[in-house]
């Protein structure tokens, strides 16, 4: 059986919102922006992956990959955070907002305190359920890159991401709320309560036909996939944004892949990155790139 899931990576250009006061090694200041949301606007509340950044050479914290569904039992769910290698996640939380039993919007479905951990040597952390790596597609199972921080959350199918409705995933600092709390009390798509210091990054996964509000400018889906009702089963991020992965395949899963994301204002562009890559190639050192699929040293 072949293990699949990680690949050495090079530059992943872009900017991102970060304002985690507890992550002092990564950021000295933060910028906020008013981002449009479904049914309303959020004045400086949400990091959608296109505004803000880190100072003093720090790399912005990013949500960079999520696996929320798969064919059969959802035993391999995980999320990936990328940033500066070794950076502490003290004060940071992973939060999911969706619906409740009788409330269609704004309900905190999940809140995971990440403060115990730091990013790995390659700038990544992967948090997954205890059953991660047990299912094979095409003879391959998932494995976290050895240089990433590898975190098991709870026991069994512990993450249990919802995939029957649209969901917003957030990386926040200073979370002081509770699971089950209703943050959009009148269900108009604008959060009435924001029990955190700031939003570092966010993305919403959209299911086909869902009218549930989401609370991020960055959105993925719906996709043309009957088996999931149009909900993206997997999402991964590169310089161009978020992309949907497969349902019964690990071909685009790369949990714990290293990444380099330049801070806002850095003199790094896609053209510059390509030029550097060509120069390295001419010198006998081909650039390492993030290519979805199997890891090869």
C-alpha atoms as a PDB file:
ATOM      1  CA  UNK A   1       0.000   0.000   0.000  1.00  0.00           C
ATOM      2  CA  UNK A   2       1.360   3.405  -0.969  1.00  0.00           C
ATOM      3  CA  UNK A   3       1.119   6.324   1.406  1.00  0.00           C
ATOM      4  CA  UNK A   4      -0.079   9.586  -0.126  1.00  0.00           C
ATOM      5  CA  UNK A   5      -0.492  13.048   1.249  1.00  0.00           C
ATOM      6  CA  UNK A   6       2.584  15.231   1.225  1.00  0.00           C
ATOM      7  CA  UNK A   7       4.963  16.854  -1.208  1.00  0.00           C
ATOM      8  CA  UNK A   8       7.835  19.284  -0.893  1.00  0.00           C
ATOM      9  CA  UNK A   9       6.682  22.735  -1.942  1.00  0.00           C
ATOM     10  CA  UNK A  10       7.968  26.096  -3.051  1.00  0.00           C
ATOM     11  CA  UNK A  11       6.503  29.586  -3.065  1.00  0.00           C
ATOM     12  CA  UNK A  12       2.782  30.025  -2.769  1.00  0.00           C
ATOM     13  CA  UNK A  13       2.315  33.721  -3.470  1.00  0.00           C
ATOM     14  CA  UNK A  14      -0.448  35.835  -1.987  1.00  0.00           C
ATOM     15  CA  UNK A  15      -1.458  37.885   1.005  1.00  0.00           C
ATOM     16  CA  UNK A  16      -3.675  37.190   3.949  1.00  0.00           C
ATOM     17  CA  UNK A  17      -5.344  38.763   6.930  1.00  0.00           C
ATOM     18  CA  UNK A  18      -3.700  38.130  10.271  1.00  0.00           C
ATOM     19  CA  UNK A  19      -4.258  39.743  13.628  1.00  0.00           C
ATOM     20  CA  UNK A  20      -3.408  37.106  16.238  1.00  0.00           C
ATOM     21  CA  UNK A  21      -2.017  39.111  19.131  1.00  0.00           C
ATOM     22  CA  UNK A  22      -0.834  35.929  20.827  1.00  0.00           C
ATOM     23  CA  UNK A  23       1.353  34.996  17.848  1.00  0.00           C
ATOM     24  CA  UNK A  24       3.871  37.747  18.567  1.00  0.00           C
ATOM     25  CA  UNK A  25       6.646  36.015  16.693  1.00  0.00           C
ATOM     26  CA  UNK A  26       4.649  36.348  13.484  1.00  0.00           C
ATOM     27  CA  UNK A  27       3.050  39.738  13.605  1.00  0.00           C
ATOM     28  CA  UNK A  28       3.638  43.223  14.996  1.00  0.00           C
ATOM     29  CA  UNK A  29       0.524  44.809  13.616  1.00  0.00           C
ATOM     30  CA  UNK A  30      -2.618  43.890  11.719  1.00  0.00           C
ATOM     31  CA  UNK A  31      -4.862  45.499   9.153  1.00  0.00           C
ATOM     32  CA  UNK A  32      -8.580  45.025   8.948  1.00  0.00           C
ATOM     33  CA  UNK A  33     -10.947  45.383   5.981  1.00  0.00           C
ATOM     34  CA  UNK A  34     -14.683  45.603   5.397  1.00  0.00           C
ATOM     35  CA  UNK A  35     -15.575  42.456   3.495  1.00  0.00           C
ATOM     36  CA  UNK A  36     -18.861  41.712   1.795  1.00  0.00           C
ATOM     37  CA  UNK A  37     -20.842  38.735   3.049  1.00  0.00           C
ATOM     38  CA  UNK A  38     -24.094  37.036   2.204  1.00  0.00           C
ATOM     39  CA  UNK A  39     -26.969  39.293   3.197  1.00  0.00           C
ATOM     40  CA  UNK A  40     -24.768  41.979   4.727  1.00  0.00           C
ATOM     41  CA  UNK A  41     -21.274  43.286   5.346  1.00  0.00           C
ATOM     42  CA  UNK A  42     -18.657  42.748   8.007  1.00  0.00           C
ATOM     43  CA  UNK A  43     -16.720  45.850   8.937  1.00  0.00           C
ATOM     44  CA  UNK A  44     -13.209  44.619   9.496  1.00  0.00           C
ATOM     45  CA  UNK A  45     -14.420  41.373  11.007  1.00  0.00           C
ATOM     46  CA  UNK A  46     -13.310  38.730   8.548  1.00  0.00           C
ATOM     47  CA  UNK A  47     -10.076  37.716   6.901  1.00  0.00           C
ATOM     48  CA  UNK A  48     -10.964  36.441   3.478  1.00  0.00           C
ATOM     49  CA  UNK A  49      -7.442  35.768   2.298  1.00  0.00           C
ATOM     50  CA  UNK A  50      -6.944  38.976   0.342  1.00  0.00           C
ATOM     51  CA  UNK A  51      -6.370  41.726   2.895  1.00  0.00           C
ATOM     52  CA  UNK A  52      -4.034  42.442   5.789  1.00  0.00           C
ATOM     53  CA  UNK A  53      -0.785  40.686   6.582  1.00  0.00           C
ATOM     54  CA  UNK A  54       2.152  40.225   8.895  1.00  0.00           C
ATOM     55  CA  UNK A  55       5.016  42.503   9.738  1.00  0.00           C
ATOM     56  CA  UNK A  56       8.717  41.985  10.505  1.00  0.00           C
ATOM     57  CA  UNK A  57       9.117  39.318   7.852  1.00  0.00           C
ATOM     58  CA  UNK A  58       6.490  37.012   9.348  1.00  0.00           C
ATOM     59  CA  UNK A  59       4.387  34.820   7.095  1.00  0.00           C
ATOM     60  CA  UNK A  60       0.619  35.266   7.443  1.00  0.00           C
ATOM     61  CA  UNK A  61      -1.259  32.429   9.102  1.00  0.00           C
ATOM     62  CA  UNK A  62      -3.554  30.769   6.585  1.00  0.00           C
ATOM     63  CA  UNK A  63      -6.137  28.048   6.364  1.00  0.00           C
ATOM     64  CA  UNK A  64      -4.710  26.140   3.399  1.00  0.00           C
ATOM     65  CA  UNK A  65      -6.488  22.772   3.165  1.00  0.00           C
ATOM     66  CA  UNK A  66      -9.614  21.038   4.474  1.00  0.00           C
ATOM     67  CA  UNK A  67     -10.990  17.556   3.925  1.00  0.00           C
ATOM     68  CA  UNK A  68     -14.653  17.535   5.061  1.00  0.00           C
ATOM     69  CA  UNK A  69     -16.142  14.537   3.218  1.00  0.00           C
ATOM     70  CA  UNK A  70     -15.155  11.358   1.379  1.00  0.00           C
ATOM     71  CA  UNK A  71     -16.717   8.264  -0.120  1.00  0.00           C
ATOM     72  CA  UNK A  72     -17.915   5.951   2.655  1.00  0.00           C
ATOM     73  CA  UNK A  73     -17.326   6.778   6.324  1.00  0.00           C
ATOM     74  CA  UNK A  74     -15.730  10.179   6.857  1.00  0.00           C
ATOM     75  CA  UNK A  75     -12.675   8.852   8.667  1.00  0.00           C
ATOM     76  CA  UNK A  76      -9.973  11.075   7.166  1.00  0.00           C
ATOM     77  CA  UNK A  77     -11.209  14.598   7.867  1.00  0.00           C
ATOM     78  CA  UNK A  78      -8.548  17.197   8.614  1.00  0.00           C
ATOM     79  CA  UNK A  79      -7.613  20.854   8.320  1.00  0.00           C
ATOM     80  CA  UNK A  80      -4.254  22.445   7.583  1.00  0.00           C
ATOM     81  CA  UNK A  81      -2.821  25.768   8.786  1.00  0.00           C
ATOM     82  CA  UNK A  82       0.282  27.325   7.240  1.00  0.00           C
ATOM     83  CA  UNK A  83       2.556  30.182   8.255  1.00  0.00           C
ATOM     84  CA  UNK A  84       6.004  30.900   9.664  1.00  0.00           C
ATOM     85  CA  UNK A  85       7.897  27.717  10.656  1.00  0.00           C
ATOM     86  CA  UNK A  86       7.814  27.200  14.406  1.00  0.00           C
ATOM     87  CA  UNK A  87       5.271  29.963  15.056  1.00  0.00           C
ATOM     88  CA  UNK A  88       3.181  29.543  18.205  1.00  0.00           C
ATOM     89  CA  UNK A  89      -0.582  29.283  17.843  1.00  0.00           C
ATOM     90  CA  UNK A  90      -1.167  30.545  21.385  1.00  0.00           C
ATOM     91  CA  UNK A  91      -4.541  32.286  21.519  1.00  0.00           C
ATOM     92  CA  UNK A  92      -5.708  30.863  18.183  1.00  0.00           C
ATOM     93  CA  UNK A  93      -8.841  28.788  17.575  1.00  0.00           C
ATOM     94  CA  UNK A  94     -10.380  26.909  14.648  1.00  0.00           C
ATOM     95  CA  UNK A  95     -14.120  27.649  14.513  1.00  0.00           C
ATOM     96  CA  UNK A  96     -16.912  26.321  12.257  1.00  0.00           C
ATOM     97  CA  UNK A  97     -20.190  28.248  11.852  1.00  0.00           C
ATOM     98  CA  UNK A  98     -23.274  26.657  10.330  1.00  0.00           C
ATOM     99  CA  UNK A  99     -26.808  25.854  11.410  1.00  0.00           C
ATOM    100  CA  UNK A 100     -28.414  24.325  14.491  1.00  0.00           C
ATOM    101  CA  UNK A 101     -31.230  21.869  15.067  1.00  0.00           C
ATOM    102  CA  UNK A 102     -33.835  24.597  14.660  1.00  0.00           C
ATOM    103  CA  UNK A 103     -31.709  27.575  13.626  1.00  0.00           C
ATOM    104  CA  UNK A 104     -30.642  27.960   9.986  1.00  0.00           C
ATOM    105  CA  UNK A 105     -27.655  30.224  10.462  1.00  0.00           C
ATOM    106  CA  UNK A 106     -24.858  31.585  12.603  1.00  0.00           C
ATOM    107  CA  UNK A 107     -24.505  28.684  15.026  1.00  0.00           C
ATOM    108  CA  UNK A 108     -21.054  27.700  16.323  1.00  0.00           C
ATOM    109  CA  UNK A 109     -20.756  24.035  15.374  1.00  0.00           C
ATOM    110  CA  UNK A 110     -17.132  23.523  16.361  1.00  0.00           C
ATOM    111  CA  UNK A 111     -14.443  25.382  18.307  1.00  0.00           C
ATOM    112  CA  UNK A 112     -10.954  23.897  18.708  1.00  0.00           C
ATOM    113  CA  UNK A 113      -8.331  25.586  20.863  1.00  0.00           C
ATOM    114  CA  UNK A 114      -5.008  25.476  18.982  1.00  0.00           C
ATOM    115  CA  UNK A 115      -3.029  27.282  21.674  1.00  0.00           C
ATOM    116  CA  UNK A 116      -1.058  24.212  22.772  1.00  0.00           C
ATOM    117  CA  UNK A 117       0.686  23.820  19.429  1.00  0.00           C
ATOM    118  CA  UNK A 118       3.131  25.548  17.119  1.00  0.00           C
ATOM    119  CA  UNK A 119       3.605  25.199  13.372  1.00  0.00           C
ATOM    120  CA  UNK A 120       6.088  22.573  12.241  1.00  0.00           C
ATOM    121  CA  UNK A 121       9.546  22.985  10.744  1.00  0.00           C
ATOM    122  CA  UNK A 122       7.989  23.506   7.309  1.00  0.00           C
ATOM    123  CA  UNK A 123       5.412  26.032   8.562  1.00  0.00           C
ATOM    124  CA  UNK A 124       2.407  23.691   8.666  1.00  0.00           C
ATOM    125  CA  UNK A 125       0.075  22.133  11.190  1.00  0.00           C
ATOM    126  CA  UNK A 126      -2.436  19.412  10.338  1.00  0.00           C
ATOM    127  CA  UNK A 127      -5.216  18.619  12.809  1.00  0.00           C
ATOM    128  CA  UNK A 128      -7.139  15.431  12.043  1.00  0.00           C
ATOM    129  CA  UNK A 129      -9.419  12.892  13.625  1.00  0.00           C
ATOM    130  CA  UNK A 130      -8.066   9.734  15.236  1.00  0.00           C
ATOM    131  CA  UNK A 131      -9.184   7.521  12.336  1.00  0.00           C
ATOM    132  CA  UNK A 132      -7.095   9.551   9.843  1.00  0.00           C
ATOM    133  CA  UNK A 133      -5.026   7.479   7.422  1.00  0.00           C
ATOM    134  CA  UNK A 134      -7.115   4.308   7.625  1.00  0.00           C
ATOM    135  CA  UNK A 135      -8.945   4.452   4.274  1.00  0.00           C
ATOM    136  CA  UNK A 136      -7.246   3.728   0.971  1.00  0.00           C
ATOM    137  CA  UNK A 137      -8.241   4.934  -2.475  1.00  0.00           C
ATOM    138  CA  UNK A 138      -6.378   3.311  -5.373  1.00  0.00           C
ATOM    139  CA  UNK A 139      -4.206   1.523  -2.813  1.00  0.00           C
ATOM    140  CA  UNK A 140      -3.119   4.761  -1.122  1.00  0.00           C
ATOM    141  CA  UNK A 141      -3.691   6.204   2.324  1.00  0.00           C
ATOM    142  CA  UNK A 142      -3.143   9.704   3.680  1.00  0.00           C
ATOM    143  CA  UNK A 143      -0.160  10.697   5.786  1.00  0.00           C
ATOM    144  CA  UNK A 144       0.905  14.033   7.259  1.00  0.00           C
ATOM    145  CA  UNK A 145       4.208  15.434   5.998  1.00  0.00           C
ATOM    146  CA  UNK A 146       6.927  14.544   8.562  1.00  0.00           C
ATOM    147  CA  UNK A 147       8.054  18.178   8.924  1.00  0.00           C
ATOM    148  CA  UNK A 148       4.556  19.403   9.838  1.00  0.00           C
ATOM    149  CA  UNK A 149       3.018  19.435  13.294  1.00  0.00           C
ATOM    150  CA  UNK A 150       0.735  16.395  13.418  1.00  0.00           C
ATOM    151  CA  UNK A 151      -2.228  16.791  15.786  1.00  0.00           C
ATOM    152  CA  UNK A 152      -4.922  14.220  16.581  1.00  0.00           C
ATOM    153  CA  UNK A 153      -8.192  15.753  17.768  1.00  0.00           C
ATOM    154  CA  UNK A 154     -10.156  13.558  20.175  1.00  0.00           C
ATOM    155  CA  UNK A 155     -10.952   9.923  19.443  1.00  0.00           C
ATOM    156  CA  UNK A 156     -12.653   8.157  16.541  1.00  0.00           C
ATOM    157  CA  UNK A 157     -14.477  10.321  13.988  1.00  0.00           C
ATOM    158  CA  UNK A 158     -13.888  13.318  16.236  1.00  0.00           C
ATOM    159  CA  UNK A 159     -13.951  16.223  13.775  1.00  0.00           C
ATOM    160  CA  UNK A 160     -17.138  15.088  12.042  1.00  0.00           C
ATOM    161  CA  UNK A 161     -17.420  18.127   9.767  1.00  0.00           C
ATOM    162  CA  UNK A 162     -20.964  18.827   8.608  1.00  0.00           C
ATOM    163  CA  UNK A 163     -21.410  18.506   4.855  1.00  0.00           C
ATOM    164  CA  UNK A 164     -25.190  18.733   4.509  1.00  0.00           C
ATOM    165  CA  UNK A 165     -25.237  22.547   4.547  1.00  0.00           C
ATOM    166  CA  UNK A 166     -22.958  25.464   3.745  1.00  0.00           C
ATOM    167  CA  UNK A 167     -20.342  26.030   6.467  1.00  0.00           C
ATOM    168  CA  UNK A 168     -17.918  28.839   7.300  1.00  0.00           C
ATOM    169  CA  UNK A 169     -14.514  27.892   8.714  1.00  0.00           C
ATOM    170  CA  UNK A 170     -12.525  30.510  10.593  1.00  0.00           C
ATOM    171  CA  UNK A 171      -9.134  30.831  12.203  1.00  0.00           C
ATOM    172  CA  UNK A 172      -9.598  33.360  15.017  1.00  0.00           C
ATOM    173  CA  UNK A 173      -7.711  34.730  17.992  1.00  0.00           C
ATOM    174  CA  UNK A 174      -9.076  35.192  21.487  1.00  0.00           C
ATOM    175  CA  UNK A 175     -12.216  33.057  21.104  1.00  0.00           C
ATOM    176  CA  UNK A 176     -14.527  33.407  24.122  1.00  0.00           C
ATOM    177  CA  UNK A 177     -17.710  31.806  22.790  1.00  0.00           C
ATOM    178  CA  UNK A 178     -19.260  28.365  23.156  1.00  0.00           C
ATOM    179  CA  UNK A 179     -20.305  25.576  20.812  1.00  0.00           C
ATOM    180  CA  UNK A 180     -24.018  25.933  20.088  1.00  0.00           C
ATOM    181  CA  UNK A 181     -24.051  29.713  20.511  1.00  0.00           C
ATOM    182  CA  UNK A 182     -26.099  31.648  17.937  1.00  0.00           C
ATOM    183  CA  UNK A 183     -23.988  34.489  16.547  1.00  0.00           C
ATOM    184  CA  UNK A 184     -26.494  35.605  13.865  1.00  0.00           C
ATOM    185  CA  UNK A 185     -29.586  36.058  15.991  1.00  0.00           C
ATOM    186  CA  UNK A 186     -31.915  37.243  13.212  1.00  0.00           C
ATOM    187  CA  UNK A 187     -30.417  35.012  10.479  1.00  0.00           C
ATOM    188  CA  UNK A 188     -29.773  37.920   8.103  1.00  0.00           C
ATOM    189  CA  UNK A 189     -26.235  36.921   7.166  1.00  0.00           C
ATOM    190  CA  UNK A 190     -24.607  39.482   9.470  1.00  0.00           C
ATOM    191  CA  UNK A 191     -23.059  38.322  12.723  1.00  0.00           C
ATOM    192  CA  UNK A 192     -24.589  40.085  15.717  1.00  0.00           C
ATOM    193  CA  UNK A 193     -22.062  38.556  18.108  1.00  0.00           C
ATOM    194  CA  UNK A 194     -18.360  38.040  17.439  1.00  0.00           C
ATOM    195  CA  UNK A 195     -16.818  36.374  20.491  1.00  0.00           C
ATOM    196  CA  UNK A 196     -13.206  36.726  19.419  1.00  0.00           C
ATOM    197  CA  UNK A 197     -10.472  39.330  19.304  1.00  0.00           C
ATOM    198  CA  UNK A 198      -9.988  39.102  15.539  1.00  0.00           C
ATOM    199  CA  UNK A 199     -10.393  36.837  12.537  1.00  0.00           C
ATOM    200  CA  UNK A 200      -7.091  35.706  11.065  1.00  0.00           C
ATOM    201  CA  UNK A 201      -8.445  33.844   8.041  1.00  0.00           C
ATOM    202  CA  UNK A 202     -11.649  32.203   6.817  1.00  0.00           C
ATOM    203  CA  UNK A 203     -13.275  30.255   4.009  1.00  0.00           C
ATOM    204  CA  UNK A 204     -16.843  29.090   3.368  1.00  0.00           C
ATOM    205  CA  UNK A 205     -17.735  25.787   1.702  1.00  0.00           C
ATOM    206  CA  UNK A 206     -21.001  26.151  -0.239  1.00  0.00           C
ATOM    207  CA  UNK A 207     -23.465  23.308  -0.864  1.00  0.00           C
ATOM    208  CA  UNK A 208     -25.716  23.384  -3.937  1.00  0.00           C
ATOM    209  CA  UNK A 209     -29.176  24.781  -3.212  1.00  0.00           C
ATOM    210  CA  UNK A 210     -28.266  25.860   0.310  1.00  0.00           C
ATOM    211  CA  UNK A 211     -29.780  29.160   1.415  1.00  0.00           C
ATOM    212  CA  UNK A 212     -27.861  29.218   4.675  1.00  0.00           C
ATOM    213  CA  UNK A 213     -25.772  32.393   5.042  1.00  0.00           C
ATOM    214  CA  UNK A 214     -22.002  32.183   5.147  1.00  0.00           C
ATOM    215  CA  UNK A 215     -19.610  34.588   6.785  1.00  0.00           C
ATOM    216  CA  UNK A 216     -16.458  34.744   4.650  1.00  0.00           C
ATOM    217  CA  UNK A 217     -15.464  36.525   1.475  1.00  0.00           C
ATOM    218  CA  UNK A 218     -13.450  33.463   0.415  1.00  0.00           C
ATOM    219  CA  UNK A 219     -15.843  30.782  -0.843  1.00  0.00           C
ATOM    220  CA  UNK A 220     -15.564  27.373  -2.480  1.00  0.00           C
ATOM    221  CA  UNK A 221     -18.415  25.591  -4.241  1.00  0.00           C
ATOM    222  CA  UNK A 222     -20.908  24.413  -5.035  1.00  0.00           C
ATOM    223  CA  UNK A 223     -19.333  21.713  -7.196  1.00  0.00           C
ATOM    224  CA  UNK A 224     -20.819  19.403  -9.796  1.00  0.00           C
ATOM    225  CA  UNK A 225     -20.870  16.318  -7.592  1.00  0.00           C
ATOM    226  CA  UNK A 226     -24.150  14.519  -6.969  1.00  0.00           C
ATOM    227  CA  UNK A 227     -22.732  12.292  -4.220  1.00  0.00           C
ATOM    228  CA  UNK A 228     -22.138  15.308  -1.942  1.00  0.00           C
ATOM    229  CA  UNK A 229     -25.107  17.418  -3.000  1.00  0.00           C
ATOM    230  CA  UNK A 230     -22.673  19.884  -4.532  1.00  0.00           C
ATOM    231  CA  UNK A 231     -20.693  20.364  -1.300  1.00  0.00           C
ATOM    232  CA  UNK A 232     -16.924  20.438  -1.915  1.00  0.00           C
ATOM    233  CA  UNK A 233     -15.545  17.320  -0.179  1.00  0.00           C
ATOM    234  CA  UNK A 234     -12.027  18.713  -0.148  1.00  0.00           C
ATOM    235  CA  UNK A 235     -10.511  22.142  -0.613  1.00  0.00           C
ATOM    236  CA  UNK A 236      -6.922  23.240  -1.097  1.00  0.00           C
ATOM    237  CA  UNK A 237      -5.383  26.638  -1.619  1.00  0.00           C
ATOM    238  CA  UNK A 238      -2.655  28.041  -3.827  1.00  0.00           C
ATOM    239  CA  UNK A 239      -1.694  31.451  -5.207  1.00  0.00           C
ATOM    240  CA  UNK A 240      -4.860  31.538  -7.322  1.00  0.00           C
ATOM    241  CA  UNK A 241      -7.214  30.815  -4.432  1.00  0.00           C
ATOM    242  CA  UNK A 242      -9.235  27.806  -3.281  1.00  0.00           C
ATOM    243  CA  UNK A 243      -9.795  24.679  -5.405  1.00  0.00           C
ATOM    244  CA  UNK A 244     -12.067  21.669  -4.906  1.00  0.00           C
ATOM    245  CA  UNK A 245     -10.552  18.198  -4.630  1.00  0.00           C
ATOM    246  CA  UNK A 246     -11.972  14.736  -5.187  1.00  0.00           C
ATOM    247  CA  UNK A 247     -14.559  12.677  -3.300  1.00  0.00           C
ATOM    248  CA  UNK A 248     -13.196   9.135  -3.754  1.00  0.00           C
ATOM    249  CA  UNK A 249      -9.570  10.038  -4.352  1.00  0.00           C
ATOM    250  CA  UNK A 250      -6.571  11.421  -2.467  1.00  0.00           C
ATOM    251  CA  UNK A 251      -4.955  12.663  -5.679  1.00  0.00           C
ATOM    252  CA  UNK A 252      -5.079  16.301  -4.575  1.00  0.00           C
ATOM    253  CA  UNK A 253      -4.715  15.870  -0.800  1.00  0.00           C
ATOM    254  CA  UNK A 254      -1.346  17.024   0.544  1.00  0.00           C
ATOM    255  CA  UNK A 255      -1.765  17.382   4.330  1.00  0.00           C
ATOM    256  CA  UNK A 256       1.206  19.172   5.872  1.00  0.00           C
ATOM    257  CA  UNK A 257       2.830  20.352   2.673  1.00  0.00           C
ATOM    258  CA  UNK A 258       5.227  23.200   3.347  1.00  0.00           C
ATOM    259  CA  UNK A 259       4.390  26.605   1.946  1.00  0.00           C
ATOM    260  CA  UNK A 260       5.867  30.073   1.721  1.00  0.00           C
ATOM    261  CA  UNK A 261       3.373  32.936   1.610  1.00  0.00           C
ATOM    262  CA  UNK A 262       4.968  36.404   1.294  1.00  0.00           C
ATOM    263  CA  UNK A 263       3.697  39.192   3.509  1.00  0.00           C
ATOM    264  CA  UNK A 264       1.733  42.084   1.939  1.00  0.00           C
ATOM    265  CA  UNK A 265       4.014  44.534   0.198  1.00  0.00           C
ATOM    266  CA  UNK A 266       6.797  41.996  -0.249  1.00  0.00           C
ATOM    267  CA  UNK A 267       8.577  42.279  -3.578  1.00  0.00           C
ATOM    268  CA  UNK A 268       7.402  38.867  -4.660  1.00  0.00           C
ATOM    269  CA  UNK A 269       5.120  38.334  -7.610  1.00  0.00           C
ATOM    270  CA  UNK A 270       4.225  35.264  -9.591  1.00  0.00           C
ATOM    271  CA  UNK A 271       6.502  36.455 -12.407  1.00  0.00           C
ATOM    272  CA  UNK A 272       9.346  37.062  -9.992  1.00  0.00           C
ATOM    273  CA  UNK A 273       8.857  33.651  -8.453  1.00  0.00           C
ATOM    274  CA  UNK A 274       8.953  32.047 -11.892  1.00  0.00           C
ATOM    275  CA  UNK A 275      12.119  33.978 -12.751  1.00  0.00           C
ATOM    276  CA  UNK A 276      13.806  32.779  -9.567  1.00  0.00           C
ATOM    277  CA  UNK A 277      12.705  29.249 -10.347  1.00  0.00           C
ATOM    278  CA  UNK A 278      14.192  29.414 -13.833  1.00  0.00           C
ATOM    279  CA  UNK A 279      17.445  30.817 -12.462  1.00  0.00           C
ATOM    280  CA  UNK A 280      17.695  28.029  -9.919  1.00  0.00           C
ATOM    281  CA  UNK A 281      16.965  25.475 -12.594  1.00  0.00           C
ATOM    282  CA  UNK A 282      19.779  26.833 -14.770  1.00  0.00           C
ATOM    283  CA  UNK A 283      22.111  26.521 -11.790  1.00  0.00           C
ATOM    284  CA  UNK A 284      21.296  22.879 -11.397  1.00  0.00           C
ATOM    285  CA  UNK A 285      18.782  23.390  -8.571  1.00  0.00           C
ATOM    286  CA  UNK A 286      15.275  22.974  -9.955  1.00  0.00           C
ATOM    287  CA  UNK A 287      12.635  24.820  -7.934  1.00  0.00           C
ATOM    288  CA  UNK A 288      10.327  22.833  -5.670  1.00  0.00           C
ATOM    289  CA  UNK A 289       6.677  23.394  -6.450  1.00  0.00           C
ATOM    290  CA  UNK A 290       3.398  22.441  -4.871  1.00  0.00           C
ATOM    291  CA  UNK A 291       1.916  19.895  -7.220  1.00  0.00           C
ATOM    292  CA  UNK A 292      -1.150  18.045  -6.122  1.00  0.00           C
ATOM    293  CA  UNK A 293      -0.639  14.347  -5.751  1.00  0.00           C
ATOM    294  CA  UNK A 294       1.888  11.869  -4.450  1.00  0.00           C
ATOM    295  CA  UNK A 295       5.030  12.887  -2.603  1.00  0.00           C
ATOM    296  CA  UNK A 296       8.358  12.195  -4.231  1.00  0.00           C
ATOM    297  CA  UNK A 297      11.591  13.257  -2.532  1.00  0.00           C
END
